[in-house]
mmCIF file of all heavy atoms, coordinates in Angstrom:
data_MODEL
# 
_entry.id   MODEL 
# 
loop_
_atom_site.group_PDB 
_atom_site.id 
_atom_site.type_symbol 
_atom_site.label_atom_id 
_atom_site.label_alt_id 
_atom_site.label_comp_id 
_atom_site.label_asym_id 
_atom_site.label_entity_id 
_atom_site.label_seq_id 
_atom_site.pdbx_PDB_ins_code 
_atom_site.Cartn_x 
_atom_site.Cartn_y 
_atom_site.Cartn_z 
_atom_site.occupancy 
_atom_site.B_iso_or_equiv 
_atom_site.pdbx_formal_charge 
_atom_site.auth_seq_id 
_atom_site.auth_comp_id 
_atom_site.auth_asym_id 
_atom_site.auth_atom_id 
_atom_site.pdbx_PDB_model_num 
ATOM 1   N N   . GLU A 1 1  ? -83.026 -121.450 -40.841 1.00 0.00 ? 1  GLU A N   1 
ATOM 2   C CA  . GLU A 1 1  ? -82.213 -122.345 -40.000 1.00 0.00 ? 1  GLU A CA  1 
ATOM 3   C C   . GLU A 1 1  ? -81.922 -123.659 -40.779 1.00 0.00 ? 1  GLU A C   1 
ATOM 4   O O   . GLU A 1 1  ? -82.802 -124.136 -41.533 1.00 0.00 ? 1  GLU A O   1 
ATOM 5   C CB  . GLU A 1 1  ? -82.780 -122.604 -38.636 1.00 0.00 ? 1  GLU A CB  1 
ATOM 6   C CG  . GLU A 1 1  ? -82.997 -121.333 -37.781 1.00 0.00 ? 1  GLU A CG  1 
ATOM 7   C CD  . GLU A 1 1  ? -83.954 -121.550 -36.701 1.00 0.00 ? 1  GLU A CD  1 
ATOM 8   O OE1 . GLU A 1 1  ? -85.152 -121.651 -36.980 1.00 0.00 ? 1  GLU A OE1 1 
ATOM 9   O OE2 . GLU A 1 1  ? -83.498 -121.618 -35.528 1.00 0.00 ? 1  GLU A OE2 1 
ATOM 10  N N   . MET A 1 2  ? -80.774 -124.256 -40.575 1.00 0.00 ? 2  MET A N   1 
ATOM 11  C CA  . MET A 1 2  ? -80.383 -125.448 -41.293 1.00 0.00 ? 2  MET A CA  1 
ATOM 12  C C   . MET A 1 2  ? -80.773 -126.653 -40.543 1.00 0.00 ? 2  MET A C   1 
ATOM 13  O O   . MET A 1 2  ? -80.799 -126.711 -39.334 1.00 0.00 ? 2  MET A O   1 
ATOM 14  C CB  . MET A 1 2  ? -78.891 -125.410 -41.542 1.00 0.00 ? 2  MET A CB  1 
ATOM 15  C CG  . MET A 1 2  ? -78.408 -126.549 -42.381 1.00 0.00 ? 2  MET A CG  1 
ATOM 16  S SD  . MET A 1 2  ? -79.042 -126.552 -44.018 1.00 0.00 ? 2  MET A SD  1 
ATOM 17  C CE  . MET A 1 2  ? -78.314 -125.034 -44.664 1.00 0.00 ? 2  MET A CE  1 
ATOM 18  N N   . GLU A 1 3  ? -81.075 -127.779 -41.298 1.00 0.00 ? 3  GLU A N   1 
ATOM 19  C CA  . GLU A 1 3  ? -81.260 -129.067 -40.706 1.00 0.00 ? 3  GLU A CA  1 
ATOM 20  C C   . GLU A 1 3  ? -80.635 -130.078 -41.602 1.00 0.00 ? 3  GLU A C   1 
ATOM 21  O O   . GLU A 1 3  ? -80.255 -129.789 -42.782 1.00 0.00 ? 3  GLU A O   1 
ATOM 22  C CB  . GLU A 1 3  ? -82.808 -129.328 -40.558 1.00 0.00 ? 3  GLU A CB  1 
ATOM 23  C CG  . GLU A 1 3  ? -83.659 -129.213 -41.771 1.00 0.00 ? 3  GLU A CG  1 
ATOM 24  C CD  . GLU A 1 3  ? -85.112 -129.381 -41.362 1.00 0.00 ? 3  GLU A CD  1 
ATOM 25  O OE1 . GLU A 1 3  ? -85.452 -130.308 -40.684 1.00 0.00 ? 3  GLU A OE1 1 
ATOM 26  O OE2 . GLU A 1 3  ? -85.948 -128.561 -41.852 1.00 0.00 ? 3  GLU A OE2 1 
ATOM 27  N N   . ALA A 1 4  ? -80.417 -131.268 -41.086 1.00 0.00 ? 4  ALA A N   1 
ATOM 28  C CA  . ALA A 1 4  ? -79.562 -132.266 -41.710 1.00 0.00 ? 4  ALA A CA  1 
ATOM 29  C C   . ALA A 1 4  ? -80.038 -132.597 -43.195 1.00 0.00 ? 4  ALA A C   1 
ATOM 30  O O   . ALA A 1 4  ? -79.242 -132.634 -44.095 1.00 0.00 ? 4  ALA A O   1 
ATOM 31  C CB  . ALA A 1 4  ? -79.441 -133.513 -40.913 1.00 0.00 ? 4  ALA A CB  1 
ATOM 32  N N   . SER A 1 5  ? -81.291 -132.803 -43.348 1.00 0.00 ? 5  SER A N   1 
ATOM 33  C CA  . SER A 1 5  ? -81.852 -133.225 -44.634 1.00 0.00 ? 5  SER A CA  1 
ATOM 34  C C   . SER A 1 5  ? -81.661 -132.116 -45.683 1.00 0.00 ? 5  SER A C   1 
ATOM 35  O O   . SER A 1 5  ? -81.329 -132.374 -46.836 1.00 0.00 ? 5  SER A O   1 
ATOM 36  C CB  . SER A 1 5  ? -83.350 -133.539 -44.546 1.00 0.00 ? 5  SER A CB  1 
ATOM 37  O OG  . SER A 1 5  ? -84.066 -132.499 -44.057 1.00 0.00 ? 5  SER A OG  1 
ATOM 38  N N   . TRP A 1 6  ? -81.797 -130.869 -45.246 1.00 0.00 ? 6  TRP A N   1 
ATOM 39  C CA  . TRP A 1 6  ? -81.607 -129.754 -46.197 1.00 0.00 ? 6  TRP A CA  1 
ATOM 40  C C   . TRP A 1 6  ? -80.096 -129.597 -46.501 1.00 0.00 ? 6  TRP A C   1 
ATOM 41  O O   . TRP A 1 6  ? -79.779 -129.250 -47.652 1.00 0.00 ? 6  TRP A O   1 
ATOM 42  C CB  . TRP A 1 6  ? -82.202 -128.487 -45.598 1.00 0.00 ? 6  TRP A CB  1 
ATOM 43  C CG  . TRP A 1 6  ? -82.287 -127.334 -46.556 1.00 0.00 ? 6  TRP A CG  1 
ATOM 44  C CD1 . TRP A 1 6  ? -82.434 -127.449 -47.962 1.00 0.00 ? 6  TRP A CD1 1 
ATOM 45  C CD2 . TRP A 1 6  ? -82.277 -125.936 -46.333 1.00 0.00 ? 6  TRP A CD2 1 
ATOM 46  N NE1 . TRP A 1 6  ? -82.492 -126.187 -48.482 1.00 0.00 ? 6  TRP A NE1 1 
ATOM 47  C CE2 . TRP A 1 6  ? -82.390 -125.263 -47.535 1.00 0.00 ? 6  TRP A CE2 1 
ATOM 48  C CE3 . TRP A 1 6  ? -82.136 -125.194 -45.137 1.00 0.00 ? 6  TRP A CE3 1 
ATOM 49  C CZ2 . TRP A 1 6  ? -82.441 -123.875 -47.593 1.00 0.00 ? 6  TRP A CZ2 1 
ATOM 50  C CZ3 . TRP A 1 6  ? -82.195 -123.828 -45.196 1.00 0.00 ? 6  TRP A CZ3 1 
ATOM 51  C CH2 . TRP A 1 6  ? -82.306 -123.146 -46.394 1.00 0.00 ? 6  TRP A CH2 1 
ATOM 52  N N   . LEU A 1 7  ? -79.233 -129.851 -45.567 1.00 0.00 ? 7  LEU A N   1 
ATOM 53  C CA  . LEU A 1 7  ? -77.882 -129.661 -45.886 1.00 0.00 ? 7  LEU A CA  1 
ATOM 54  C C   . LEU A 1 7  ? -77.404 -130.746 -46.872 1.00 0.00 ? 7  LEU A C   1 
ATOM 55  O O   . LEU A 1 7  ? -76.536 -130.474 -47.677 1.00 0.00 ? 7  LEU A O   1 
ATOM 56  C CB  . LEU A 1 7  ? -77.064 -129.867 -44.497 1.00 0.00 ? 7  LEU A CB  1 
ATOM 57  C CG  . LEU A 1 7  ? -75.527 -129.732 -44.594 1.00 0.00 ? 7  LEU A CG  1 
ATOM 58  C CD1 . LEU A 1 7  ? -75.141 -128.316 -45.037 1.00 0.00 ? 7  LEU A CD1 1 
ATOM 59  C CD2 . LEU A 1 7  ? -74.896 -130.043 -43.274 1.00 0.00 ? 7  LEU A CD2 1 
ATOM 60  N N   . VAL A 1 8  ? -77.962 -131.923 -46.803 1.00 0.00 ? 8  VAL A N   1 
ATOM 61  C CA  . VAL A 1 8  ? -77.711 -132.960 -47.810 1.00 0.00 ? 8  VAL A CA  1 
ATOM 62  C C   . VAL A 1 8  ? -78.103 -132.498 -49.200 1.00 0.00 ? 8  VAL A C   1 
ATOM 63  O O   . VAL A 1 8  ? -77.430 -132.712 -50.214 1.00 0.00 ? 8  VAL A O   1 
ATOM 64  C CB  . VAL A 1 8  ? -78.415 -134.321 -47.449 1.00 0.00 ? 8  VAL A CB  1 
ATOM 65  C CG1 . VAL A 1 8  ? -78.264 -135.289 -48.581 1.00 0.00 ? 8  VAL A CG1 1 
ATOM 66  C CG2 . VAL A 1 8  ? -77.824 -134.895 -46.149 1.00 0.00 ? 8  VAL A CG2 1 
ATOM 67  N N   . GLU A 1 9  ? -79.218 -131.794 -49.321 1.00 0.00 ? 9  GLU A N   1 
ATOM 68  C CA  . GLU A 1 9  ? -79.645 -131.293 -50.584 1.00 0.00 ? 9  GLU A CA  1 
ATOM 69  C C   . GLU A 1 9  ? -78.703 -130.242 -51.114 1.00 0.00 ? 9  GLU A C   1 
ATOM 70  O O   . GLU A 1 9  ? -78.390 -130.227 -52.368 1.00 0.00 ? 9  GLU A O   1 
ATOM 71  C CB  . GLU A 1 9  ? -81.067 -130.711 -50.471 1.00 0.00 ? 9  GLU A CB  1 
ATOM 72  C CG  . GLU A 1 9  ? -82.152 -131.749 -50.126 1.00 0.00 ? 9  GLU A CG  1 
ATOM 73  C CD  . GLU A 1 9  ? -83.531 -131.053 -50.065 1.00 0.00 ? 9  GLU A CD  1 
ATOM 74  O OE1 . GLU A 1 9  ? -83.636 -129.876 -50.467 1.00 0.00 ? 9  GLU A OE1 1 
ATOM 75  O OE2 . GLU A 1 9  ? -84.382 -131.668 -49.432 1.00 0.00 ? 9  GLU A OE2 1 
ATOM 76  N N   . ARG A 1 10 ? -78.204 -129.358 -50.247 1.00 0.00 ? 10 ARG A N   1 
ATOM 77  C CA  . ARG A 1 10 ? -77.337 -128.318 -50.673 1.00 0.00 ? 10 ARG A CA  1 
ATOM 78  C C   . ARG A 1 10 ? -75.952 -128.765 -50.966 1.00 0.00 ? 10 ARG A C   1 
ATOM 79  O O   . ARG A 1 10 ? -75.256 -128.120 -51.790 1.00 0.00 ? 10 ARG A O   1 
ATOM 80  C CB  . ARG A 1 10 ? -77.364 -127.140 -49.622 1.00 0.00 ? 10 ARG A CB  1 
ATOM 81  C CG  . ARG A 1 10 ? -78.750 -126.486 -49.439 1.00 0.00 ? 10 ARG A CG  1 
ATOM 82  C CD  . ARG A 1 10 ? -78.664 -125.582 -48.277 1.00 0.00 ? 10 ARG A CD  1 
ATOM 83  N NE  . ARG A 1 10 ? -77.858 -124.461 -48.503 1.00 0.00 ? 10 ARG A NE  1 
ATOM 84  C CZ  . ARG A 1 10 ? -78.304 -123.138 -48.780 1.00 0.00 ? 10 ARG A CZ  1 
ATOM 85  N NH1 . ARG A 1 10 ? -79.602 -122.905 -48.858 1.00 0.00 ? 10 ARG A NH1 1 
ATOM 86  N NH2 . ARG A 1 10 ? -77.457 -122.162 -48.986 1.00 0.00 ? 10 ARG A NH2 1 
ATOM 87  N N   . LEU A 1 11 ? -75.545 -129.825 -50.271 1.00 0.00 ? 11 LEU A N   1 
ATOM 88  C CA  . LEU A 1 11 ? -74.168 -130.311 -50.496 1.00 0.00 ? 11 LEU A CA  1 
ATOM 89  C C   . LEU A 1 11 ? -74.203 -131.824 -50.833 1.00 0.00 ? 11 LEU A C   1 
ATOM 90  O O   . LEU A 1 11 ? -73.742 -132.666 -50.150 1.00 0.00 ? 11 LEU A O   1 
ATOM 91  C CB  . LEU A 1 11 ? -73.316 -130.159 -49.214 1.00 0.00 ? 11 LEU A CB  1 
ATOM 92  C CG  . LEU A 1 11 ? -73.080 -128.740 -48.684 1.00 0.00 ? 11 LEU A CG  1 
ATOM 93  C CD1 . LEU A 1 11 ? -72.386 -128.762 -47.377 1.00 0.00 ? 11 LEU A CD1 1 
ATOM 94  C CD2 . LEU A 1 11 ? -72.275 -127.927 -49.732 1.00 0.00 ? 11 LEU A CD2 1 
ATOM 95  N N   . SER A 1 12 ? -74.779 -132.043 -52.029 1.00 0.00 ? 12 SER A N   1 
ATOM 96  C CA  . SER A 1 12 ? -75.034 -133.429 -52.419 1.00 0.00 ? 12 SER A CA  1 
ATOM 97  C C   . SER A 1 12 ? -73.659 -134.160 -52.750 1.00 0.00 ? 12 SER A C   1 
ATOM 98  O O   . SER A 1 12 ? -73.604 -135.387 -52.661 1.00 0.00 ? 12 SER A O   1 
ATOM 99  C CB  . SER A 1 12 ? -75.903 -133.475 -53.647 1.00 0.00 ? 12 SER A CB  1 
ATOM 100 O OG  . SER A 1 12 ? -75.378 -132.704 -54.718 1.00 0.00 ? 12 SER A OG  1 
ATOM 101 N N   . VAL A 1 13 ? -72.635 -133.433 -53.093 1.00 0.00 ? 13 VAL A N   1 
ATOM 102 C CA  . VAL A 1 13 ? -71.396 -133.986 -53.389 1.00 0.00 ? 13 VAL A CA  1 
ATOM 103 C C   . VAL A 1 13 ? -70.697 -134.475 -52.166 1.00 0.00 ? 13 VAL A C   1 
ATOM 104 O O   . VAL A 1 13 ? -70.112 -135.583 -52.091 1.00 0.00 ? 13 VAL A O   1 
ATOM 105 C CB  . VAL A 1 13 ? -70.516 -133.012 -54.201 1.00 0.00 ? 13 VAL A CB  1 
ATOM 106 C CG1 . VAL A 1 13 ? -69.083 -133.633 -54.421 1.00 0.00 ? 13 VAL A CG1 1 
ATOM 107 C CG2 . VAL A 1 13 ? -71.118 -132.610 -55.527 1.00 0.00 ? 13 VAL A CG2 1 
ATOM 108 N N   . GLN A 1 14 ? -70.667 -133.629 -51.092 1.00 0.00 ? 14 GLN A N   1 
ATOM 109 C CA  . GLN A 1 14 ? -70.018 -133.937 -49.797 1.00 0.00 ? 14 GLN A CA  1 
ATOM 110 C C   . GLN A 1 14 ? -70.840 -135.084 -49.105 1.00 0.00 ? 14 GLN A C   1 
ATOM 111 O O   . GLN A 1 14 ? -70.245 -135.876 -48.389 1.00 0.00 ? 14 GLN A O   1 
ATOM 112 C CB  . GLN A 1 14 ? -69.856 -132.761 -48.926 1.00 0.00 ? 14 GLN A CB  1 
ATOM 113 C CG  . GLN A 1 14 ? -68.762 -131.805 -49.418 1.00 0.00 ? 14 GLN A CG  1 
ATOM 114 C CD  . GLN A 1 14 ? -69.321 -130.789 -50.430 1.00 0.00 ? 14 GLN A CD  1 
ATOM 115 O OE1 . GLN A 1 14 ? -70.328 -131.034 -51.063 1.00 0.00 ? 14 GLN A OE1 1 
ATOM 116 N NE2 . GLN A 1 14 ? -68.586 -129.685 -50.565 1.00 0.00 ? 14 GLN A NE2 1 
ATOM 117 N N   . TYR A 1 15 ? -72.138 -135.057 -49.192 1.00 0.00 ? 15 TYR A N   1 
ATOM 118 C CA  . TYR A 1 15 ? -72.933 -136.020 -48.449 1.00 0.00 ? 15 TYR A CA  1 
ATOM 119 C C   . TYR A 1 15 ? -73.691 -136.868 -49.503 1.00 0.00 ? 15 TYR A C   1 
ATOM 120 O O   . TYR A 1 15 ? -74.681 -136.479 -50.148 1.00 0.00 ? 15 TYR A O   1 
ATOM 121 C CB  . TYR A 1 15 ? -73.990 -135.297 -47.611 1.00 0.00 ? 15 TYR A CB  1 
ATOM 122 C CG  . TYR A 1 15 ? -73.305 -134.432 -46.562 1.00 0.00 ? 15 TYR A CG  1 
ATOM 123 C CD1 . TYR A 1 15 ? -73.266 -133.042 -46.707 1.00 0.00 ? 15 TYR A CD1 1 
ATOM 124 C CD2 . TYR A 1 15 ? -72.790 -134.952 -45.414 1.00 0.00 ? 15 TYR A CD2 1 
ATOM 125 C CE1 . TYR A 1 15 ? -72.689 -132.224 -45.733 1.00 0.00 ? 15 TYR A CE1 1 
ATOM 126 C CE2 . TYR A 1 15 ? -72.163 -134.137 -44.404 1.00 0.00 ? 15 TYR A CE2 1 
ATOM 127 C CZ  . TYR A 1 15 ? -72.114 -132.801 -44.618 1.00 0.00 ? 15 TYR A CZ  1 
ATOM 128 O OH  . TYR A 1 15 ? -71.507 -132.013 -43.709 1.00 0.00 ? 15 TYR A OH  1 
ATOM 129 N N   . SER A 1 16 ? -73.201 -138.082 -49.683 1.00 0.00 ? 16 SER A N   1 
ATOM 130 C CA  . SER A 1 16 ? -73.750 -139.001 -50.659 1.00 0.00 ? 16 SER A CA  1 
ATOM 131 C C   . SER A 1 16 ? -73.797 -140.396 -49.960 1.00 0.00 ? 16 SER A C   1 
ATOM 132 O O   . SER A 1 16 ? -73.119 -140.732 -49.038 1.00 0.00 ? 16 SER A O   1 
ATOM 133 C CB  . SER A 1 16 ? -72.999 -139.090 -51.908 1.00 0.00 ? 16 SER A CB  1 
ATOM 134 O OG  . SER A 1 16 ? -71.636 -139.458 -51.652 1.00 0.00 ? 16 SER A OG  1 
ATOM 135 N N   . GLY A 1 17 ? -74.663 -141.215 -50.562 1.00 0.00 ? 17 GLY A N   1 
ATOM 136 C CA  . GLY A 1 17 ? -74.802 -142.579 -49.970 1.00 0.00 ? 17 GLY A CA  1 
ATOM 137 C C   . GLY A 1 17 ? -76.009 -142.667 -49.012 1.00 0.00 ? 17 GLY A C   1 
ATOM 138 O O   . GLY A 1 17 ? -76.686 -141.681 -48.687 1.00 0.00 ? 17 GLY A O   1 
ATOM 139 N N   . LYS A 1 18 ? -76.200 -143.896 -48.495 1.00 0.00 ? 18 LYS A N   1 
ATOM 140 C CA  . LYS A 1 18 ? -77.304 -144.123 -47.625 1.00 0.00 ? 18 LYS A CA  1 
ATOM 141 C C   . LYS A 1 18 ? -77.207 -143.507 -46.272 1.00 0.00 ? 18 LYS A C   1 
ATOM 142 O O   . LYS A 1 18 ? -78.211 -143.204 -45.574 1.00 0.00 ? 18 LYS A O   1 
ATOM 143 C CB  . LYS A 1 18 ? -77.544 -145.656 -47.470 1.00 0.00 ? 18 LYS A CB  1 
ATOM 144 C CG  . LYS A 1 18 ? -76.368 -146.282 -46.808 1.00 0.00 ? 18 LYS A CG  1 
ATOM 145 C CD  . LYS A 1 18 ? -76.603 -147.831 -46.638 1.00 0.00 ? 18 LYS A CD  1 
ATOM 146 C CE  . LYS A 1 18 ? -75.489 -148.563 -45.929 1.00 0.00 ? 18 LYS A CE  1 
ATOM 147 N NZ  . LYS A 1 18 ? -75.797 -149.994 -45.758 1.00 0.00 ? 18 LYS A NZ  1 
ATOM 148 N N   . ASP A 1 19 ? -75.992 -143.131 -45.787 1.00 0.00 ? 19 ASP A N   1 
ATOM 149 C CA  . ASP A 1 19 ? -75.717 -142.500 -44.495 1.00 0.00 ? 19 ASP A CA  1 
ATOM 150 C C   . ASP A 1 19 ? -75.535 -141.048 -44.624 1.00 0.00 ? 19 ASP A C   1 
ATOM 151 O O   . ASP A 1 19 ? -74.938 -140.417 -43.700 1.00 0.00 ? 19 ASP A O   1 
ATOM 152 C CB  . ASP A 1 19 ? -74.577 -143.169 -43.774 1.00 0.00 ? 19 ASP A CB  1 
ATOM 153 C CG  . ASP A 1 19 ? -74.855 -144.660 -43.418 1.00 0.00 ? 19 ASP A CG  1 
ATOM 154 O OD1 . ASP A 1 19 ? -76.033 -144.974 -43.270 1.00 0.00 ? 19 ASP A OD1 1 
ATOM 155 O OD2 . ASP A 1 19 ? -73.806 -145.440 -43.300 1.00 0.00 ? 19 ASP A OD2 1 
ATOM 156 N N   . SER A 1 20 ? -75.932 -140.458 -45.693 1.00 0.00 ? 20 SER A N   1 
ATOM 157 C CA  . SER A 1 20 ? -75.674 -139.018 -45.957 1.00 0.00 ? 20 SER A CA  1 
ATOM 158 C C   . SER A 1 20 ? -76.369 -138.138 -44.865 1.00 0.00 ? 20 SER A C   1 
ATOM 159 O O   . SER A 1 20 ? -75.696 -137.210 -44.342 1.00 0.00 ? 20 SER A O   1 
ATOM 160 C CB  . SER A 1 20 ? -76.186 -138.664 -47.332 1.00 0.00 ? 20 SER A CB  1 
ATOM 161 O OG  . SER A 1 20 ? -77.554 -138.926 -47.496 1.00 0.00 ? 20 SER A OG  1 
ATOM 162 N N   . THR A 1 21 ? -77.609 -138.424 -44.528 1.00 0.00 ? 21 THR A N   1 
ATOM 163 C CA  . THR A 1 21 ? -78.264 -137.574 -43.503 1.00 0.00 ? 21 THR A CA  1 
ATOM 164 C C   . THR A 1 21 ? -77.587 -137.754 -42.162 1.00 0.00 ? 21 THR A C   1 
ATOM 165 O O   . THR A 1 21 ? -77.424 -136.742 -41.450 1.00 0.00 ? 21 THR A O   1 
ATOM 166 C CB  . THR A 1 21 ? -79.733 -137.967 -43.431 1.00 0.00 ? 21 THR A CB  1 
ATOM 167 O OG1 . THR A 1 21 ? -80.333 -137.843 -44.737 1.00 0.00 ? 21 THR A OG1 1 
ATOM 168 C CG2 . THR A 1 21 ? -80.462 -137.104 -42.478 1.00 0.00 ? 21 THR A CG2 1 
ATOM 169 N N   . ARG A 1 22 ? -77.184 -138.938 -41.780 1.00 0.00 ? 22 ARG A N   1 
ATOM 170 C CA  . ARG A 1 22 ? -76.477 -139.142 -40.482 1.00 0.00 ? 22 ARG A CA  1 
ATOM 171 C C   . ARG A 1 22 ? -75.185 -138.400 -40.470 1.00 0.00 ? 22 ARG A C   1 
ATOM 172 O O   . ARG A 1 22 ? -74.850 -137.731 -39.467 1.00 0.00 ? 22 ARG A O   1 
ATOM 173 C CB  . ARG A 1 22 ? -76.258 -140.597 -40.313 1.00 0.00 ? 22 ARG A CB  1 
ATOM 174 C CG  . ARG A 1 22 ? -75.527 -140.959 -39.020 1.00 0.00 ? 22 ARG A CG  1 
ATOM 175 C CD  . ARG A 1 22 ? -75.246 -142.413 -38.859 1.00 0.00 ? 22 ARG A CD  1 
ATOM 176 N NE  . ARG A 1 22 ? -74.388 -142.885 -39.943 1.00 0.00 ? 22 ARG A NE  1 
ATOM 177 C CZ  . ARG A 1 22 ? -73.082 -142.763 -39.993 1.00 0.00 ? 22 ARG A CZ  1 
ATOM 178 N NH1 . ARG A 1 22 ? -72.459 -142.122 -38.985 1.00 0.00 ? 22 ARG A NH1 1 
ATOM 179 N NH2 . ARG A 1 22 ? -72.332 -143.190 -40.971 1.00 0.00 ? 22 ARG A NH2 1 
ATOM 180 N N   . LYS A 1 23 ? -74.411 -138.410 -41.530 1.00 0.00 ? 23 LYS A N   1 
ATOM 181 C CA  . LYS A 1 23 ? -73.174 -137.663 -41.664 1.00 0.00 ? 23 LYS A CA  1 
ATOM 182 C C   . LYS A 1 23 ? -73.401 -136.195 -41.487 1.00 0.00 ? 23 LYS A C   1 
ATOM 183 O O   . LYS A 1 23 ? -72.674 -135.478 -40.785 1.00 0.00 ? 23 LYS A O   1 
ATOM 184 C CB  . LYS A 1 23 ? -72.440 -137.996 -42.928 1.00 0.00 ? 23 LYS A CB  1 
ATOM 185 C CG  . LYS A 1 23 ? -72.011 -139.441 -43.009 1.00 0.00 ? 23 LYS A CG  1 
ATOM 186 C CD  . LYS A 1 23 ? -71.319 -139.662 -44.381 1.00 0.00 ? 23 LYS A CD  1 
ATOM 187 C CE  . LYS A 1 23 ? -71.006 -141.156 -44.555 1.00 0.00 ? 23 LYS A CE  1 
ATOM 188 N NZ  . LYS A 1 23 ? -70.372 -141.448 -45.923 1.00 0.00 ? 23 LYS A NZ  1 
ATOM 189 N N   . ALA A 1 24 ? -74.402 -135.733 -42.156 1.00 0.00 ? 24 ALA A N   1 
ATOM 190 C CA  . ALA A 1 24 ? -74.696 -134.282 -42.059 1.00 0.00 ? 24 ALA A CA  1 
ATOM 191 C C   . ALA A 1 24 ? -75.101 -133.849 -40.671 1.00 0.00 ? 24 ALA A C   1 
ATOM 192 O O   . ALA A 1 24 ? -74.702 -132.843 -40.146 1.00 0.00 ? 24 ALA A O   1 
ATOM 193 C CB  . ALA A 1 24 ? -75.859 -133.902 -43.076 1.00 0.00 ? 24 ALA A CB  1 
ATOM 194 N N   . ARG A 1 25 ? -75.891 -134.718 -40.037 1.00 0.00 ? 25 ARG A N   1 
ATOM 195 C CA  . ARG A 1 25 ? -76.353 -134.508 -38.672 1.00 0.00 ? 25 ARG A CA  1 
ATOM 196 C C   . ARG A 1 25 ? -75.174 -134.444 -37.690 1.00 0.00 ? 25 ARG A C   1 
ATOM 197 O O   . ARG A 1 25 ? -75.061 -133.671 -36.801 1.00 0.00 ? 25 ARG A O   1 
ATOM 198 C CB  . ARG A 1 25 ? -77.336 -135.500 -38.228 1.00 0.00 ? 25 ARG A CB  1 
ATOM 199 C CG  . ARG A 1 25 ? -78.018 -135.238 -36.875 1.00 0.00 ? 25 ARG A CG  1 
ATOM 200 C CD  . ARG A 1 25 ? -79.011 -136.300 -36.471 1.00 0.00 ? 25 ARG A CD  1 
ATOM 201 N NE  . ARG A 1 25 ? -80.053 -136.445 -37.418 1.00 0.00 ? 25 ARG A NE  1 
ATOM 202 C CZ  . ARG A 1 25 ? -80.161 -137.491 -38.234 1.00 0.00 ? 25 ARG A CZ  1 
ATOM 203 N NH1 . ARG A 1 25 ? -79.321 -138.468 -38.214 1.00 0.00 ? 25 ARG A NH1 1 
ATOM 204 N NH2 . ARG A 1 25 ? -81.209 -137.533 -39.093 1.00 0.00 ? 25 ARG A NH2 1 
# 
């Protein structure tokens, strides 16, 4: 199952910056 922090790792280009985890969530 996916969670926000792991999604940031897998899509580092789409989710970057200090708010990356919040955007993924």
